[in-house]
Amino acid sequence: MKSVSAWMILMTGAAILGSGAGCSGQRSGPSTDIPSPCPDSPNCVSSSSSDPRHKVAPIAYTGSPAEARRHLLEVIRSLSGTRVVADDGSYLRVEFTSAVFRFVDDVEFYIDPAQKLIQVRSASRVGYWDLGANRRRVEDIRRRMTADTKQGP
């Protein structure tokens, strides 16, 4: 009985995600140095958000901005379902496509050389709730960037 209930919850969640209800649906771009704000829906996290539901810490880096960019691109390319769609040196926009339902999430990174931080925004393109996928993604990227830095050459 538990597996049937769990399956129904999973399928209901997938239907909500794919329905476009509350859809953020907008891709942002490098119009400013700070990634775009999150919509009210719980399918987005951003280091520039003041709302605790959407707030995620920026990613600290050591070394030069060029080294941080190179390292970030290595981490991104090591993840499945990624495609870099914009890269102007200090700004990256990456599409992450989920394996099962093929949902696309837009992730923005801005390398801030003055603060030695990478500002980040990760948002589902469709759906209302992302089951925490965007927050997990950002934290996974942070963990990989930190782990790689600690290991060193």
Protein backbone atom coordinates (compact mmCIF):
# COMPACT_ATOMS: atom_id res chain seq x y z
CA MET A 1 0.00 0.00 0.00
CA LYS A 2 2.87 2.37 0.81
CA SER A 3 4.44 1.90 -2.62
CA VAL A 4 1.13 2.75 -4.33
CA SER A 5 0.83 5.95 -2.25
CA ALA A 6 4.43 6.89 -2.94
CA TRP A 7 3.93 6.26 -6.66
CA MET A 8 0.80 8.43 -6.69
CA ILE A 9 2.65 11.26 -4.92
CA LEU A 10 5.51 11.01 -7.41
CA MET A 11 3.17 11.07 -10.40
CA THR A 12 1.15 13.96 -8.94
CA GLY A 13 4.39 15.88 -8.44
CA ALA A 14 5.44 15.17 -12.01
CA ALA A 15 2.07 16.37 -13.27
CA ILE A 16 2.39 19.59 -11.29
CA LEU A 17 5.93 20.13 -12.52
CA GLY A 18 4.97 19.58 -16.12
CA SER A 19 1.71 21.48 -16.04
CA GLY A 20 3.21 24.91 -16.34
CA ALA A 21 1.10 26.14 -13.42
CA GLY A 22 2.99 29.02 -11.89
CA CYS A 23 5.54 28.62 -14.62
CA SER A 24 8.58 30.85 -14.38
CA GLY A 25 9.11 30.18 -18.07
CA GLN A 26 11.36 33.15 -18.67
CA ARG A 27 14.99 32.84 -19.46
CA SER A 28 17.08 35.62 -18.10
CA GLY A 29 20.27 37.05 -19.45
CA PRO A 30 23.33 39.06 -18.61
CA SER A 31 21.49 42.38 -18.41
CA THR A 32 23.13 43.05 -15.02
CA ASP A 33 25.95 41.59 -12.98
CA ILE A 34 23.47 39.95 -10.62
CA PRO A 35 21.35 37.01 -11.80
CA SER A 36 17.64 37.67 -12.30
CA PRO A 37 15.30 37.55 -9.30
CA CYS A 38 13.24 34.44 -8.56
CA PRO A 39 9.47 34.34 -9.16
CA ASP A 40 7.15 33.63 -6.21
CA SER A 41 6.96 29.92 -7.08
CA PRO A 42 9.19 27.52 -5.09
CA ASN A 43 11.14 26.31 -8.16
CA CYS A 44 14.03 28.75 -8.01
CA VAL A 45 17.03 29.61 -5.83
CA SER A 46 19.30 32.63 -6.13
CA SER A 47 22.26 34.06 -4.28
CA SER A 48 20.82 37.54 -4.83
CA SER A 49 17.46 36.75 -3.23
CA SER A 50 16.55 38.23 0.14
CA ASP A 51 13.65 35.76 0.49
CA PRO A 52 14.80 32.80 2.65
CA ARG A 53 12.71 30.39 0.54
CA HIS A 54 14.83 31.25 -2.48
CA LYS A 55 18.12 32.28 -0.87
CA VAL A 56 21.25 30.25 -1.52
CA ALA A 57 24.78 31.35 -0.71
CA PRO A 58 27.06 32.44 -3.54
CA ILE A 59 29.99 30.13 -4.32
CA ALA A 60 33.33 31.39 -3.00
CA TYR A 61 36.46 30.84 -5.06
CA THR A 62 40.20 31.28 -4.74
CA GLY A 63 42.64 32.19 -7.46
CA SER A 64 41.86 34.37 -10.43
CA PRO A 65 38.44 34.88 -12.02
CA ALA A 66 39.73 33.05 -15.12
CA GLU A 67 40.71 30.04 -12.98
CA ALA A 68 37.31 30.11 -11.25
CA ARG A 69 35.56 30.19 -14.64
CA ARG A 70 37.66 27.32 -15.97
CA HIS A 71 37.00 25.27 -12.82
CA LEU A 72 33.28 26.06 -12.90
CA LEU A 73 33.06 24.95 -16.53
CA GLU A 74 34.85 21.69 -15.65
CA VAL A 75 32.34 21.02 -12.88
CA ILE A 76 29.37 21.89 -15.12
CA ARG A 77 30.61 19.66 -17.93
CA SER A 78 31.09 16.77 -15.49
CA LEU A 79 27.34 16.81 -14.75
CA SER A 80 24.87 15.05 -17.03
CA GLY A 81 22.33 16.87 -19.16
CA THR A 82 24.17 20.20 -19.36
CA ARG A 83 24.51 22.65 -22.21
CA VAL A 84 26.29 26.00 -21.94
CA VAL A 85 24.15 28.45 -23.92
CA ALA A 86 25.79 31.77 -23.02
CA ASP A 87 29.35 32.54 -22.00
CA ASP A 88 30.75 36.06 -22.00
CA GLY A 89 33.65 35.40 -19.67
CA SER A 90 32.16 36.52 -16.36
CA TYR A 91 28.60 35.35 -17.08
CA LEU A 92 27.47 31.81 -17.91
CA ARG A 93 23.99 30.51 -18.60
CA VAL A 94 23.58 26.76 -18.62
CA GLU A 95 20.60 24.56 -19.40
CA PHE A 96 20.23 21.43 -17.29
CA THR A 97 17.87 18.82 -18.76
CA SER A 98 16.47 16.11 -16.47
CA ALA A 99 16.97 12.54 -17.60
CA VAL A 100 13.46 11.18 -17.12
CA PHE A 101 10.93 13.91 -17.89
CA ARG A 102 13.31 16.13 -19.94
CA PHE A 103 12.50 19.25 -17.88
CA VAL A 104 14.88 22.14 -18.56
CA ASP A 105 16.25 24.32 -15.77
CA ASP A 106 18.11 27.55 -16.49
CA VAL A 107 21.14 28.22 -14.33
CA GLU A 108 23.03 31.50 -14.34
CA PHE A 109 26.48 32.14 -12.92
CA TYR A 110 28.16 35.52 -12.54
CA ILE A 111 31.80 35.56 -11.50
CA ASP A 112 32.28 38.59 -9.24
CA PRO A 113 36.03 39.35 -9.18
CA ALA A 114 35.75 42.09 -6.53
CA GLN A 115 34.23 39.74 -3.94
CA LYS A 116 35.76 36.46 -5.22
CA LEU A 117 32.26 35.00 -5.36
CA ILE A 118 30.20 33.28 -8.03
CA GLN A 119 26.65 34.56 -7.88
CA VAL A 120 24.16 31.89 -8.95
CA ARG A 121 20.52 31.47 -9.90
CA SER A 122 18.90 28.14 -10.75
CA ALA A 123 15.26 27.97 -11.85
CA SER A 124 12.86 25.53 -13.44
CA ARG A 125 11.61 26.71 -16.80
CA VAL A 126 8.18 25.12 -16.30
CA GLY A 127 6.11 23.92 -13.38
CA TYR A 128 5.44 25.30 -9.95
CA TRP A 129 7.46 23.11 -7.58
CA ASP A 130 10.80 21.47 -8.36
CA LEU A 131 10.99 19.06 -5.38
CA GLY A 132 14.17 20.92 -4.29
CA ALA A 133 16.10 20.05 -7.47
CA ASN A 134 17.50 23.53 -8.06
CA ARG A 135 18.79 23.92 -4.49
CA ARG A 136 20.38 20.44 -4.60
CA ARG A 137 22.04 21.29 -7.92
CA VAL A 138 23.60 24.50 -6.60
CA GLU A 139 24.79 22.76 -3.44
CA ASP A 140 26.25 19.91 -5.51
CA ILE A 141 28.15 22.39 -7.69
CA ARG A 142 29.39 24.18 -4.56
CA ARG A 143 30.51 20.87 -3.02
CA ARG A 144 32.35 19.86 -6.20
CA MET A 145 34.05 23.26 -6.52
CA THR A 146 35.13 23.14 -2.87
CA ALA A 147 36.24 19.49 -2.95
CA ASP A 148 38.31 20.07 -6.08
CA THR A 149 39.91 23.17 -4.55
CA LYS A 150 40.82 21.36 -1.30
CA GLN A 151 42.48 18.48 -3.16
CA GLY A 152 44.68 20.85 -5.13
CA PRO A 153 47.39 19.83 -7.60
